[in-house]
Protein backbone atom coordinates (compact mmCIF):
# COMPACT_ATOMS: atom_id res chain seq x y z
CA MET A 1 0.00 0.00 0.00
CA LYS A 2 2.78 2.41 0.95
CA GLU A 3 4.65 1.65 -2.29
CA LYS A 4 1.55 2.45 -4.36
CA ILE A 5 1.12 5.78 -2.59
CA ILE A 6 4.75 6.69 -3.20
CA GLU A 7 4.39 5.62 -6.82
CA LYS A 8 1.33 7.87 -7.26
CA ILE A 9 3.13 10.82 -5.64
CA LEU A 10 6.15 10.41 -7.90
CA LEU A 11 3.89 10.10 -10.94
CA LEU A 12 2.05 13.27 -9.91
CA LEU A 13 5.33 15.15 -9.50
CA ALA A 14 6.50 13.97 -12.93
CA PHE A 15 3.27 15.10 -14.60
CA SER A 16 3.34 18.42 -12.72
CA ALA A 17 6.82 19.15 -14.12
CA ILE A 18 5.63 18.32 -17.64
CA GLY A 19 2.50 20.40 -17.11
CA LEU A 20 4.55 23.36 -15.90
CA LEU A 21 6.76 23.17 -18.99
CA PHE A 22 3.65 23.02 -21.18
CA LEU A 23 2.14 26.09 -19.47
CA ILE A 24 5.38 28.07 -19.90
CA THR A 25 5.51 27.12 -23.59
CA LEU A 26 1.85 28.02 -24.06
CA TYR A 27 2.35 31.39 -22.37
CA ILE A 28 5.39 32.30 -24.48
CA PHE A 29 3.57 31.46 -27.71
CA LYS A 30 0.39 33.23 -26.58
CA GLU A 31 2.33 36.42 -25.85
CA GLY A 32 4.66 36.31 -28.84
CA LEU A 33 2.58 35.08 -31.78
CA PRO A 34 0.39 38.22 -32.17
CA ILE A 35 3.31 40.44 -33.23
CA ILE A 36 4.56 37.80 -35.68
CA LEU A 37 1.11 37.65 -37.25
CA LYS A 38 0.90 41.44 -37.25
CA VAL A 39 4.22 42.23 -38.98
CA GLY A 40 4.55 38.95 -40.86
CA LEU A 41 7.00 36.10 -40.28
CA LYS A 42 9.19 37.25 -43.18
CA ASN A 43 9.54 40.79 -41.87
CA PHE A 44 10.17 39.56 -38.34
CA LEU A 45 12.87 37.01 -39.20
CA PHE A 46 14.49 38.42 -42.32
CA THR A 47 14.79 42.16 -41.73
CA ALA A 48 17.53 43.67 -39.60
CA LYS A 49 15.92 46.92 -38.41
CA TRP A 50 14.95 46.75 -34.73
CA ALA A 51 13.28 49.97 -33.59
CA PRO A 52 10.19 48.98 -31.56
CA THR A 53 9.15 52.56 -30.80
CA LYS A 54 8.93 53.20 -34.57
CA GLY A 55 7.19 49.94 -35.40
CA HIS A 56 10.21 48.04 -36.77
CA PHE A 57 10.67 44.53 -35.35
CA GLY A 58 13.31 42.82 -37.50
CA ILE A 59 15.56 40.43 -35.57
CA LEU A 60 17.80 39.19 -38.40
CA SER A 61 20.90 40.92 -37.00
CA MET A 62 20.34 39.27 -33.62
CA ILE A 63 19.79 35.84 -35.15
CA ILE A 64 23.02 36.15 -37.15
CA SER A 65 24.87 37.46 -34.09
CA SER A 66 23.60 34.58 -31.93
CA LEU A 67 24.64 32.02 -34.53
CA ALA A 68 28.02 33.71 -35.06
CA VAL A 69 28.81 33.81 -31.34
CA THR A 70 27.72 30.19 -30.93
CA ILE A 71 29.73 28.98 -33.94
CA GLY A 72 32.77 30.90 -32.71
CA ALA A 73 32.42 29.35 -29.27
CA MET A 74 32.14 25.87 -30.78
CA LEU A 75 35.18 26.38 -33.03
CA LEU A 76 37.24 27.40 -30.02
CA GLY A 77 35.68 25.14 -27.40
CA ILE A 78 35.27 21.77 -29.17
CA PRO A 79 38.99 21.08 -29.87
CA LEU A 80 39.96 22.08 -26.32
CA SER A 81 37.14 20.06 -24.74
CA LEU A 82 37.83 16.93 -26.79
CA ALA A 83 41.57 17.21 -26.12
CA CYS A 84 40.83 17.38 -22.37
CA ALA A 85 38.41 14.45 -22.60
CA VAL A 86 40.80 12.18 -24.54
CA THR A 87 43.75 13.08 -22.31
CA LEU A 88 41.87 12.44 -19.08
CA ALA A 89 40.09 9.30 -20.26
CA GLU A 90 42.99 7.58 -22.04
CA PHE A 91 46.37 9.05 -21.16
CA ALA A 92 46.21 10.60 -17.70
CA PRO A 93 46.85 8.46 -14.58
CA SER A 94 43.62 7.38 -12.89
CA ARG A 95 44.39 9.39 -9.75
CA LEU A 96 44.95 12.54 -11.79
CA MET A 97 41.70 11.95 -13.68
CA MET A 98 39.80 11.55 -10.40
CA ILE A 99 41.07 14.99 -9.36
CA LEU A 100 40.82 16.89 -12.64
CA LYS A 101 37.42 15.64 -13.87
CA PRO A 102 35.48 16.94 -10.83
CA THR A 103 37.54 20.15 -10.98
CA ILE A 104 36.53 20.75 -14.60
CA GLU A 105 32.90 19.95 -13.75
CA LEU A 106 33.04 22.58 -10.99
CA LEU A 107 33.53 25.22 -13.69
CA ALA A 108 29.89 24.64 -14.68
CA GLY A 109 28.83 25.86 -11.24
CA ILE A 110 30.54 29.24 -11.52
CA PRO A 111 27.92 31.99 -12.13
CA SER A 112 27.98 33.34 -15.66
CA VAL A 113 28.32 36.90 -14.33
CA VAL A 114 31.74 35.93 -12.95
CA TYR A 115 32.86 34.80 -16.41
CA GLY A 116 31.55 38.06 -17.83
CA PHE A 117 33.31 40.11 -15.16
CA LEU A 118 36.63 38.38 -15.83
CA GLY A 119 36.07 38.88 -19.55
CA VAL A 120 35.57 42.62 -19.10
CA LEU A 121 38.62 42.96 -16.85
CA LEU A 122 41.08 40.68 -18.68
CA LEU A 123 39.94 39.63 -22.14
CA VAL A 124 38.35 42.81 -23.52
CA PRO A 125 41.46 44.99 -22.90
CA LEU A 126 43.69 42.36 -24.54
CA ILE A 127 41.53 42.29 -27.67
CA ARG A 128 41.33 46.09 -27.79
CA ASP A 129 45.08 46.61 -27.33
CA TYR A 130 46.42 43.85 -29.59
CA LEU A 131 43.71 43.26 -32.23
CA GLY A 132 41.94 46.60 -32.38
CA GLY A 133 38.31 47.58 -32.19
CA PRO A 134 36.37 48.39 -29.03
CA GLY A 135 37.27 45.08 -27.35
CA LEU A 136 33.63 44.35 -26.58
CA SER A 137 33.03 42.08 -29.54
CA LEU A 138 31.89 38.86 -31.12
CA LEU A 139 35.35 37.42 -30.48
CA ALA A 140 35.25 38.22 -26.77
CA ALA A 141 31.80 36.64 -26.42
CA SER A 142 32.93 33.53 -28.33
CA ILE A 143 36.00 33.05 -26.13
CA ILE A 144 34.01 33.43 -22.91
CA LEU A 145 31.35 30.99 -24.14
CA ALA A 146 34.03 28.51 -25.25
CA ILE A 147 35.32 28.44 -21.67
CA MET A 148 31.78 28.11 -20.29
CA ILE A 149 30.86 25.10 -22.47
CA LEU A 150 34.12 23.28 -21.76
CA PRO A 151 32.82 21.43 -18.64
CA THR A 152 29.70 20.17 -20.42
CA ILE A 153 31.45 18.82 -23.51
CA THR A 154 34.44 17.45 -21.60
CA SER A 155 32.44 15.63 -18.94
CA ILE A 156 29.98 13.97 -21.33
CA SER A 157 32.77 13.08 -23.79
CA ILE A 158 34.79 11.40 -21.01
CA ASP A 159 31.74 9.29 -20.09
CA ALA A 160 31.21 8.39 -23.76
CA ILE A 161 34.85 7.35 -24.20
CA GLN A 162 34.88 5.31 -21.01
CA ALA A 163 31.67 3.55 -22.11
CA VAL A 164 33.47 2.01 -25.11
CA PRO A 165 34.16 -1.69 -24.31
CA LEU A 166 37.75 -2.37 -23.31
CA LEU A 167 37.87 -5.18 -25.90
CA TYR A 168 37.89 -2.59 -28.69
CA LYS A 169 41.08 -1.03 -27.38
CA GLU A 170 42.72 -4.36 -26.59
CA GLY A 171 41.91 -5.66 -30.07
CA ALA A 172 43.46 -2.58 -31.71
CA LEU A 173 46.60 -2.86 -29.58
CA ALA A 174 46.87 -6.59 -30.30
CA MET A 175 46.88 -5.82 -34.03
CA GLY A 176 49.90 -3.57 -33.60
CA ALA A 177 48.27 -0.15 -33.25
CA THR A 178 49.83 2.40 -30.96
CA HIS A 179 47.82 3.81 -28.08
CA TRP A 180 47.09 7.02 -30.03
CA GLN A 181 46.10 5.05 -33.15
CA ALA A 182 43.73 2.94 -31.05
CA VAL A 183 42.15 6.10 -29.64
CA ARG A 184 41.90 7.88 -32.98
CA LEU A 185 40.81 4.97 -35.18
CA VAL A 186 38.79 2.80 -32.80
CA ILE A 187 37.73 4.44 -29.53
CA LEU A 188 36.66 7.87 -30.79
CA PRO A 189 34.61 6.46 -33.71
CA ALA A 190 32.91 4.06 -31.27
CA ALA A 191 32.14 6.95 -28.89
CA ARG A 192 31.04 9.27 -31.73
CA SER A 193 27.34 9.48 -30.85
CA GLY A 194 28.10 10.37 -27.24
CA VAL A 195 30.66 12.98 -28.27
CA VAL A 196 28.28 14.52 -30.80
CA THR A 197 25.60 14.64 -28.10
CA ALA A 198 28.04 16.48 -25.83
CA VAL A 199 28.77 18.99 -28.58
CA ILE A 200 25.06 19.63 -29.25
CA LEU A 201 24.33 20.15 -25.54
CA GLY A 202 27.28 22.53 -25.37
CA MET A 203 25.85 24.40 -28.35
CA ALA A 204 22.48 24.69 -26.62
CA ARG A 205 24.23 26.10 -23.55
CA ALA A 206 26.10 28.62 -25.69
CA ILE A 207 23.12 29.89 -27.67
CA GLY A 208 21.05 30.30 -24.50
CA GLU A 209 23.66 32.15 -22.42
CA THR A 210 22.75 35.72 -21.45
CA MET A 211 24.63 37.54 -18.71
CA ALA A 212 28.22 36.84 -19.73
CA VAL A 213 27.40 37.71 -23.34
CA ILE A 214 25.76 41.00 -22.36
CA MET A 215 28.90 42.02 -20.49
CA VAL A 216 31.45 41.34 -23.25
CA ALA A 217 29.62 41.45 -26.61
CA GLY A 218 29.05 45.21 -26.94
CA ASN A 219 25.31 44.87 -27.70
CA ALA A 220 25.30 46.75 -31.02
CA LEU A 221 22.24 46.25 -33.22
CA LYS A 222 23.98 45.45 -36.49
CA ILE A 223 25.02 42.46 -38.55
CA PRO A 224 28.66 41.66 -37.71
CA VAL A 225 31.16 41.67 -40.57
CA SER A 226 34.24 41.04 -38.41
CA PRO A 227 35.00 39.09 -35.20
CA LEU A 228 35.98 42.45 -33.68
CA ASN A 229 32.52 43.99 -34.22
CA PRO A 230 30.20 44.41 -31.22
CA VAL A 231 27.05 42.29 -31.45
CA ARG A 232 23.72 41.76 -29.72
CA THR A 233 22.30 38.25 -29.37
CA LEU A 234 18.68 37.17 -28.98
CA THR A 235 19.07 36.49 -25.26
CA SER A 236 20.86 39.78 -24.67
CA ASN A 237 18.09 41.73 -26.39
CA ILE A 238 15.41 40.16 -24.22
CA ALA A 239 17.34 40.81 -21.01
CA LEU A 240 18.25 44.40 -21.92
CA GLU A 241 14.82 45.59 -23.04
CA MET A 242 12.22 43.56 -21.13
CA GLY A 243 12.39 45.85 -18.09
CA TYR A 244 11.01 48.91 -19.89
CA SER A 245 9.05 47.35 -22.76
CA ALA A 246 5.31 47.67 -23.26
CA GLY A 247 2.69 46.93 -25.89
CA ASP A 248 4.04 45.62 -29.20
CA HIS A 249 7.61 46.04 -27.95
CA ARG A 250 6.99 43.60 -25.11
CA THR A 251 5.16 41.22 -27.45
CA ALA A 252 8.11 41.33 -29.87
CA LEU A 253 10.48 40.32 -27.08
CA PHE A 254 8.28 37.30 -26.36
CA ALA A 255 8.35 36.51 -30.07
CA THR A 256 12.15 36.65 -29.88
CA GLY A 257 11.84 34.14 -27.06
CA ILE A 258 9.82 31.87 -29.34
CA VAL A 259 12.66 31.85 -31.90
CA LEU A 260 15.20 31.10 -29.16
CA PHE A 261 12.91 28.42 -27.71
CA ILE A 262 12.64 26.68 -31.08
CA PHE A 263 16.44 26.78 -31.56
CA ILE A 264 17.17 25.21 -28.18
CA MET A 265 14.37 22.64 -28.36
CA ALA A 266 15.59 21.52 -31.79
CA LEU A 267 19.11 21.05 -30.40
CA ASN A 268 17.83 19.10 -27.38
CA VAL A 269 15.67 16.85 -29.56
CA LEU A 270 18.67 16.18 -31.79
CA ALA A 271 20.84 15.38 -28.76
CA ASN A 272 18.23 12.95 -27.38
CA ALA A 273 17.92 11.27 -30.76
CA LEU A 274 21.67 10.75 -30.91
CA MET A 275 21.71 9.36 -27.36
CA ARG A 276 19.05 6.82 -28.29
CA LYS A 277 21.07 5.92 -31.37
CA LYS A 278 24.02 5.24 -29.09
């Protein structure tokens, strides 16, 4: 009897979480869809002029900026994360791995505002002095995000590599392969779905980040043509303008949230599909 009661309570909690997610989704779409229908999906997504007080609601520059920052973060973060994962899982002594893996995972617990603060103090002046431009830029945001996604990609990739059966490695070594050849030609291909899942989850983290990006990106409403240009992402725009928005302006920010919601949900669905494939 007690087990059935506990089972019902757990089932109720599970459905309440799903219901809460459904209500949030419904609310975002209810608030954001009217402005999309009013100005047209084409004008909303494919024009770059954002001036809500004058009736212009184009978010193309912010979409491009979000994608550019995310791609930059992935280009910088993926090689470093995979190098850390392979080193810790295959080459580092077990004691060292037991110390370093939790340490890397602790980076995920550092508030994003701390990353942004360090970026403003250390990274932005370096970019401004040695590369030019204002310093607050797409490049600065990409570097900060690359550091922030490192724990996610590294941790999941280590688990994926360690999940590969030991027989694969032993078979490769028995056939005369070196340790590195076994890792590169056998272990990494076998762990591919898990590694790709890690990368996609890291991408979702990057595209959804707000505070650190606000602090180092410059928040200029224009399409970037250089890594040194200041940019404004979708998340930054919502955070910067929601406090004083009203009417169609507020509705447009919710519509921006719909676009961001669809991006992140698509990445999560893709990650789950790859995990099931594994």
